[in-house]
Protein backbone atom coordinates (compact mmCIF):
# COMPACT_ATOMS: atom_id res chain seq x y z
CA MET A 1 -19.09 1.58 -38.88
CA SER A 2 -18.37 0.56 -35.28
CA LEU A 3 -15.98 -2.38 -34.82
CA PRO A 4 -17.14 -5.43 -32.85
CA VAL A 5 -16.89 -4.84 -29.10
CA SER A 6 -15.41 -8.32 -28.63
CA ARG A 7 -12.13 -7.10 -29.97
CA PHE A 8 -11.70 -4.82 -27.00
CA GLN A 9 -13.14 -6.88 -24.12
CA ALA A 10 -9.68 -7.35 -22.67
CA PHE A 11 -9.57 -3.60 -22.05
CA ASP A 12 -12.20 -4.10 -19.35
CA LEU A 13 -9.62 -5.91 -17.24
CA LEU A 14 -7.34 -2.85 -17.13
CA ALA A 15 -7.46 -0.15 -14.47
CA THR A 16 -6.56 2.47 -16.97
CA PRO A 17 -9.46 4.36 -18.68
CA ILE A 18 -9.34 3.62 -22.42
CA ALA A 19 -11.29 4.84 -25.45
CA VAL A 20 -11.17 3.59 -29.02
CA ILE A 21 -11.80 6.26 -31.62
CA GLU A 22 -12.85 6.00 -35.24
CA GLY A 23 -12.72 8.66 -38.03
CA GLU A 24 -12.60 12.28 -36.98
CA GLY A 25 -12.91 11.54 -33.20
CA HIS A 26 -16.08 9.44 -32.63
CA ILE A 27 -16.04 6.88 -29.83
CA SER A 28 -16.47 3.21 -30.86
CA PHE A 29 -15.64 1.69 -27.48
CA VAL A 30 -14.81 2.70 -23.91
CA ASN A 31 -13.81 0.25 -21.17
CA ALA A 32 -15.25 -0.06 -17.67
CA ALA A 33 -12.61 2.13 -16.08
CA LEU A 34 -13.54 5.03 -18.41
CA GLU A 35 -17.22 4.45 -17.73
CA ASP A 36 -16.38 4.99 -13.96
CA VAL A 37 -14.35 8.07 -14.61
CA MET A 38 -17.06 9.61 -16.85
CA GLY A 39 -20.01 8.42 -14.81
CA MET A 40 -21.68 7.36 -17.97
CA SER A 41 -22.45 4.08 -19.62
CA ARG A 42 -20.61 2.94 -22.77
CA ARG A 43 -24.00 2.86 -24.59
CA SER A 44 -24.44 6.55 -23.98
CA LEU A 45 -20.82 7.29 -24.93
CA ASN A 46 -20.78 5.17 -28.05
CA GLY A 47 -20.71 7.44 -31.11
CA ALA A 48 -20.12 10.60 -29.15
CA TYR A 49 -17.42 13.03 -30.31
CA LEU A 50 -14.56 12.72 -27.82
CA PRO A 51 -12.95 16.11 -28.26
CA ASP A 52 -16.25 17.70 -27.05
CA PHE A 53 -15.51 16.29 -23.52
CA PHE A 54 -12.40 18.37 -23.06
CA ALA A 55 -11.92 21.95 -21.91
CA ASP A 56 -9.75 22.58 -24.88
CA PRO A 57 -10.61 20.13 -27.71
CA GLN A 58 -7.97 21.32 -30.18
CA PRO A 59 -4.90 19.32 -28.93
CA LEU A 60 -6.89 16.11 -29.18
CA LYS A 61 -8.07 17.01 -32.67
CA ASN A 62 -4.44 17.62 -33.70
CA ALA A 63 -3.29 14.36 -31.99
CA LEU A 64 -5.98 12.33 -33.84
CA ILE A 65 -4.88 13.70 -37.19
CA GLY A 66 -1.25 12.88 -36.35
CA ALA A 67 -2.16 9.39 -35.19
CA ARG A 68 -4.15 8.54 -38.28
CA SER A 69 -1.27 9.73 -40.56
CA ASN A 70 1.21 7.71 -38.46
CA GLU A 71 3.27 10.80 -37.49
CA PHE A 72 4.17 9.23 -34.13
CA ALA A 73 4.05 5.95 -32.30
CA ALA A 74 2.44 7.55 -29.13
CA LEU A 75 1.74 11.13 -28.19
CA ARG A 76 1.43 12.19 -24.53
CA TYR A 77 0.09 15.41 -23.14
CA GLU A 78 -1.94 16.84 -20.26
CA ALA A 79 -5.58 17.80 -20.57
CA LEU A 80 -8.72 18.68 -18.64
CA LEU A 81 -11.61 16.30 -18.99
CA ASN A 82 -15.12 17.64 -18.53
CA ARG A 83 -17.57 15.16 -17.03
CA ILE A 84 -21.28 15.86 -17.34
CA HIS A 85 -22.22 14.69 -13.84
CA HIS A 86 -19.27 16.30 -12.08
CA GLY A 87 -18.70 20.04 -11.41
CA ASP A 88 -14.93 20.08 -11.72
CA ALA A 89 -12.87 19.14 -14.71
CA LEU A 90 -10.53 16.19 -14.13
CA PRO A 91 -6.85 16.58 -14.93
CA VAL A 92 -5.76 13.58 -17.10
CA HIS A 93 -2.58 12.35 -18.68
CA MET A 94 -3.41 11.53 -22.31
CA ILE A 95 -1.67 8.83 -24.38
CA VAL A 96 -2.75 8.83 -28.02
CA ALA A 97 -1.57 5.94 -30.20
CA PRO A 98 -2.61 4.61 -33.73
CA SER A 99 -4.22 1.15 -33.82
CA ASP A 100 -3.24 -1.65 -36.21
CA ARG A 101 -6.22 -0.61 -38.33
CA PRO A 102 -6.64 2.50 -40.44
CA GLU A 103 -8.85 5.34 -39.05
CA GLU A 104 -8.70 3.72 -35.59
CA VAL A 105 -6.96 5.36 -32.64
CA ILE A 106 -6.53 4.08 -29.02
CA ILE A 107 -6.53 6.70 -26.22
CA GLU A 108 -5.56 6.18 -22.59
CA LEU A 109 -6.83 8.82 -20.22
CA LEU A 110 -5.01 8.36 -16.91
CA PRO A 111 -6.21 10.70 -14.09
CA VAL A 112 -3.22 12.64 -12.86
CA GLU A 113 -4.03 11.84 -9.26
CA GLN A 114 -4.29 8.11 -10.09
CA GLN A 115 -1.01 8.34 -11.99
CA THR A 116 0.68 9.97 -8.97
CA ARG A 117 -0.69 7.23 -6.70
CA GLN A 118 0.39 4.47 -8.97
CA GLU A 119 3.94 5.95 -9.13
CA ARG A 120 3.95 6.09 -5.35
CA GLU A 121 2.75 2.56 -5.12
CA GLU A 122 5.39 1.38 -7.51
CA ARG A 123 8.06 3.10 -5.45
CA LEU A 124 6.73 1.55 -2.26
CA LEU A 125 6.71 -1.89 -3.98
CA GLU A 126 10.26 -1.44 -5.23
CA GLN A 127 11.46 -0.26 -1.87
CA ALA A 128 9.75 -3.22 -0.11
CA LEU A 129 11.46 -5.64 -2.51
CA ALA A 130 14.85 -3.93 -2.08
CA ASN A 131 14.43 -3.80 1.76
CA LYS A 132 13.55 -7.53 1.82
CA GLU A 133 16.68 -8.47 -0.07
CA LEU A 134 18.77 -6.15 2.06
CA ILE A 135 17.32 -7.48 5.29
CA ARG A 136 17.94 -11.07 4.33
CA ASN A 137 21.49 -10.46 3.26
CA LEU A 138 22.34 -8.19 6.27
CA ALA A 139 20.77 -10.65 8.73
CA HIS A 140 22.72 -13.53 7.44
CA GLU A 141 25.91 -11.55 7.51
CA ILE A 142 25.30 -10.63 11.12
CA LYS A 143 24.16 -14.06 12.15
CA ASN A 144 27.17 -16.04 10.98
CA PRO A 145 29.79 -14.40 13.31
CA LEU A 146 27.38 -14.01 16.23
CA GLY A 147 27.58 -17.63 17.39
CA GLY A 148 31.39 -17.45 17.31
CA ILE A 149 31.43 -14.26 19.36
CA ARG A 150 29.09 -15.68 21.97
CA GLY A 151 30.90 -19.05 22.13
CA SER A 152 34.28 -17.38 22.49
CA ALA A 153 32.94 -15.15 25.36
CA GLN A 154 31.59 -18.27 27.17
CA LEU A 155 34.98 -20.01 26.79
CA LEU A 156 36.84 -16.91 27.96
CA GLU A 157 34.48 -16.65 31.00
CA MET A 158 35.35 -20.25 31.98
CA GLU A 159 39.05 -19.33 32.09
CA LEU A 160 38.62 -16.20 34.09
CA GLY A 161 38.98 -16.31 37.78
CA SER A 162 37.90 -12.72 38.57
CA LYS A 163 34.21 -11.89 38.98
CA GLU A 164 34.83 -8.37 37.84
CA LEU A 165 36.27 -9.65 34.49
CA THR A 166 33.35 -11.99 33.93
CA GLU A 167 31.01 -8.99 34.02
CA TYR A 168 32.57 -7.96 30.71
CA THR A 169 32.11 -11.37 29.17
CA GLN A 170 28.43 -11.29 30.31
CA VAL A 171 28.03 -8.01 28.57
CA ILE A 172 29.33 -9.62 25.32
CA ILE A 173 27.02 -12.64 25.76
CA HIS A 174 23.90 -10.50 26.50
CA GLU A 175 24.59 -8.17 23.55
CA ALA A 176 25.15 -11.17 21.20
CA ASP A 177 21.79 -12.56 22.40
CA ARG A 178 20.19 -9.22 21.77
CA LEU A 179 21.55 -9.11 18.33
CA GLN A 180 20.46 -12.76 17.67
CA THR A 181 16.91 -11.88 18.67
CA LEU A 182 17.06 -8.89 16.29
CA VAL A 183 18.23 -11.02 13.45
CA ASP A 184 15.57 -13.63 14.12
CA ARG A 185 12.93 -10.94 13.86
CA LEU A 186 14.47 -9.65 10.57
CA LEU A 187 14.38 -13.19 9.09
CA ALA A 188 11.02 -14.27 10.56
CA PRO A 189 8.77 -13.37 7.58
CA HIS A 190 11.13 -15.23 5.21
CA ARG A 191 11.33 -18.37 7.34
CA ARG A 192 7.76 -18.78 8.41
CA PRO A 193 5.41 -20.54 5.84
CA HIS A 194 2.39 -18.67 4.68
CA VAL A 195 -0.53 -20.56 6.47
CA VAL A 196 -3.71 -19.87 4.56
CA GLY A 197 -7.18 -20.24 6.09
CA ASP A 198 -10.50 -18.36 6.39
CA VAL A 199 -9.86 -14.94 8.01
CA ASN A 200 -12.48 -12.69 9.70
CA ILE A 201 -10.87 -9.28 9.89
CA HIS A 202 -12.92 -8.29 12.88
CA GLU A 203 -11.67 -11.35 14.90
CA VAL A 204 -8.15 -10.15 13.98
CA CYS A 205 -9.08 -6.62 15.29
CA GLU A 206 -10.65 -8.00 18.50
CA ARG A 207 -7.53 -10.02 19.17
CA VAL A 208 -5.24 -7.01 18.71
CA ARG A 209 -7.66 -4.83 20.81
CA SER A 210 -7.46 -7.26 23.76
CA LEU A 211 -3.57 -7.36 23.52
CA ILE A 212 -3.27 -3.61 23.46
CA LEU A 213 -5.69 -2.99 26.30
CA ALA A 214 -3.92 -5.60 28.39
CA GLU A 215 -0.66 -3.70 27.98
CA PHE A 216 -2.22 -0.25 28.38
CA PRO A 217 -5.22 -0.86 30.77
CA LYS A 218 -5.61 2.80 31.77
CA GLY A 219 -5.97 6.03 29.81
CA LEU A 220 -6.43 4.35 26.36
CA LYS A 221 -9.73 3.83 24.63
CA VAL A 222 -9.92 1.42 21.60
CA VAL A 223 -12.90 2.27 19.51
CA ARG A 224 -14.64 -0.21 17.09
CA ASP A 225 -16.15 1.14 13.85
CA TYR A 226 -16.82 -2.09 11.88
CA ASP A 227 -18.67 -2.84 8.67
CA THR A 228 -19.99 -6.27 9.71
CA SER A 229 -20.90 -7.12 6.07
CA ILE A 230 -17.28 -7.63 5.19
CA PRO A 231 -16.85 -11.22 4.14
CA GLU A 232 -14.26 -13.70 5.29
CA PHE A 233 -11.31 -14.08 2.92
CA ARG A 234 -8.40 -16.53 2.48
CA GLY A 235 -5.32 -15.41 4.32
CA ASP A 236 -2.80 -15.97 7.08
CA ARG A 237 -4.64 -15.03 10.29
CA GLU A 238 -1.43 -14.86 12.48
CA GLN A 239 0.43 -12.70 9.96
CA LEU A 240 -2.47 -10.27 9.86
CA ILE A 241 -2.78 -10.20 13.66
CA GLN A 242 0.92 -9.36 13.85
CA ALA A 243 0.59 -6.73 11.12
CA VAL A 244 -2.27 -4.91 12.87
CA LEU A 245 -0.65 -5.42 16.23
CA ASN A 246 2.61 -3.75 15.12
CA ILE A 247 0.74 -0.72 13.87
CA SER A 248 -1.52 -0.47 16.98
CA HIS A 249 1.46 -0.96 19.37
CA ASN A 250 3.32 1.87 17.65
CA ALA A 251 0.23 4.05 17.96
CA ALA A 252 -0.15 3.21 21.67
CA GLN A 253 3.51 4.08 22.32
CA ALA A 254 3.07 7.36 20.41
CA LEU A 255 0.10 8.14 22.56
CA SER A 256 2.09 7.96 25.86
CA GLU A 257 1.42 11.58 26.80
CA ARG A 258 -2.32 11.36 26.01
CA ILE A 259 -2.58 8.07 27.81
CA SER A 260 -1.12 9.68 30.93
CA GLN A 261 -3.79 12.40 30.57
CA GLY A 262 -6.49 9.77 30.18
CA ASP A 263 -7.64 10.64 26.62
CA GLY A 264 -5.59 8.39 24.33
CA GLN A 265 -7.68 6.78 21.59
CA ILE A 266 -7.15 4.20 18.85
CA THR A 267 -9.94 3.53 16.34
CA PHE A 268 -10.25 0.34 14.33
CA LYS A 269 -12.45 1.22 11.22
CA SER A 270 -13.28 -1.40 8.57
CA ARG A 271 -14.99 -0.67 5.18
CA ILE A 272 -15.51 -2.30 1.82
CA LEU A 273 -14.16 -0.55 -1.29
CA ARG A 274 -15.69 -1.27 -4.69
CA GLN A 275 -13.98 -1.09 -8.06
CA VAL A 276 -10.69 0.05 -6.46
CA THR A 277 -7.26 0.13 -8.06
CA PHE A 278 -4.00 -0.32 -6.14
CA GLY A 279 -0.76 -2.02 -6.90
CA LYS A 280 -1.39 -1.33 -10.67
CA GLN A 281 -4.36 -3.69 -10.54
CA ARG A 282 -8.09 -3.23 -10.45
CA TYR A 283 -10.22 -5.14 -7.88
CA ARG A 284 -13.98 -5.54 -7.73
CA LEU A 285 -13.88 -5.54 -3.96
CA ALA A 286 -11.25 -4.75 -1.26
CA LEU A 287 -10.97 -4.47 2.45
CA GLU A 288 -10.01 -1.11 3.81
CA LEU A 289 -8.94 -1.32 7.48
CA HIS A 290 -7.97 1.97 9.30
CA VAL A 291 -5.94 2.08 12.45
CA ILE A 292 -6.40 5.71 13.59
CA ASP A 293 -4.82 7.30 16.68
CA ASN A 294 -5.07 10.87 18.17
CA GLY A 295 -1.35 11.16 18.85
CA PRO A 296 1.22 13.74 17.86
CA GLY A 297 1.62 12.35 14.31
CA VAL A 298 4.61 10.88 12.54
CA PRO A 299 7.73 13.16 12.62
CA ASP A 300 8.19 14.93 9.29
CA SER A 301 11.83 13.74 9.27
CA ILE A 302 10.76 10.10 8.78
CA LYS A 303 7.38 10.37 7.08
CA ASP A 304 8.64 9.18 3.73
CA ARG A 305 10.73 6.36 5.28
CA ILE A 306 8.47 4.90 7.95
CA PHE A 307 8.27 1.50 6.18
CA PHE A 308 12.07 1.25 5.87
CA PRO A 309 13.81 -1.15 8.18
CA LEU A 310 15.51 0.24 11.27
CA ILE A 311 13.74 3.58 10.94
CA SER A 312 11.99 4.53 14.20
CA GLY A 313 10.46 7.78 15.56
CA ARG A 314 10.76 6.51 19.17
CA GLU A 315 13.93 6.38 21.36
CA GLY A 316 14.94 2.77 21.66
CA GLY A 317 12.65 1.52 18.98
CA SER A 318 13.87 -1.28 16.62
CA GLY A 319 12.25 0.19 13.48
CA LEU A 320 11.08 -3.23 12.38
CA GLY A 321 7.36 -3.28 13.25
CA LEU A 322 6.06 -1.36 10.24
CA THR A 323 8.50 -3.05 7.89
CA LEU A 324 7.18 -6.45 8.98
CA SER A 325 3.59 -5.23 8.80
CA GLN A 326 4.04 -4.05 5.22
CA THR A 327 5.69 -7.42 4.35
CA PHE A 328 2.80 -9.45 5.84
CA VAL A 329 0.18 -7.30 4.02
CA GLN A 330 1.98 -7.46 0.76
CA GLN A 331 2.04 -11.27 1.05
CA HIS A 332 -1.83 -10.94 0.94
CA HIS A 333 -1.41 -8.89 -2.35
CA GLY A 334 -2.25 -5.70 -0.34
CA MET A 335 -0.53 -2.61 0.87
CA ILE A 336 -0.41 -0.14 3.73
CA GLU A 337 -0.61 3.61 3.33
CA CYS A 338 -0.23 6.31 5.99
CA GLU A 339 -1.63 9.80 6.38
CA SER A 340 -0.45 11.71 9.40
CA GLU A 341 -0.78 15.16 10.95
CA PRO A 342 -0.66 16.38 14.54
CA GLY A 343 -3.65 14.90 16.37
CA ARG A 344 -4.47 12.21 13.76
CA THR A 345 -2.49 9.42 12.19
CA ASP A 346 -4.31 6.95 9.96
CA PHE A 347 -2.68 3.70 8.80
CA LYS A 348 -4.85 2.26 6.05
CA ILE A 349 -4.56 -1.46 5.19
CA LEU A 350 -5.83 -2.49 1.74
CA ILE A 351 -6.39 -6.15 0.90
CA PRO A 352 -8.26 -7.59 -2.13
CA LEU A 353 -11.39 -9.54 -1.35
CA PRO A 354 -12.80 -12.42 -3.41
């Protein structure tokens, strides 16, 4: 007899596909995530024999026997899931665990691609948090002696009678000022309050577009590819402008050779994603904003580290732009991803929508 669906309603809030099995392997419940993966409704899946959906059903049959006899707390293995409406089998990571009721087993079927993506997102989030703490500590350590160095150089300059010698004190003062500016930029996201209001992402893009074209008036084309149905959302408009501007400015600088040839191009492309998972959470709707350029691509040597502070692929670059962009987007519960190859670099901003 199937158990009341209400017991498992909380599973619908999870991004992980889950099935509840009774007896020899018949489905009593599937959550919304598994409906999406299978391309079938829970009504059509209810009562079906789950092992029949796998390329090799025997490992699941064995796992179900072991779970019902409490041979293990949880069993993990890899499998191929056949989906009726899809041509290719889907590689999944299976987690089979006994329930608190006899003859009932709970199974998680995590698509391997999704698992890999979640692990990558977890690493990015951990790196961002570590970077944030490192930046704050390092910036404060640099900031404290800077004032003393600058003040001492000014006092020394007042005592010097030789113009040639004051050139050296000026170097100290100018370099101290430069470092102060760098430190201020490092601390900016942590000092400035998060000002929340209604944000139209296309107004953000248009503002960035005008700023980029003002700096690069010739040889660069900025293409709009907007989904105008995207609703406004609550966020910090200035932070998002800065995040998109940092990415776009990096793109424009990487396009220097193409701009000189007159065929540099940056594309702003906005779309809505439905039933999307990122940051280990499932969202009904999300904004997907692409900043795409036709430049040489991100150097392989820094591809995995482009969001780290002080990492730059450009001579003289501070390596802070993308770090700050990632910080600002994460403050909107979103994230930035990058795909790059010669001739096409795509920075993708993902932000949940209401």
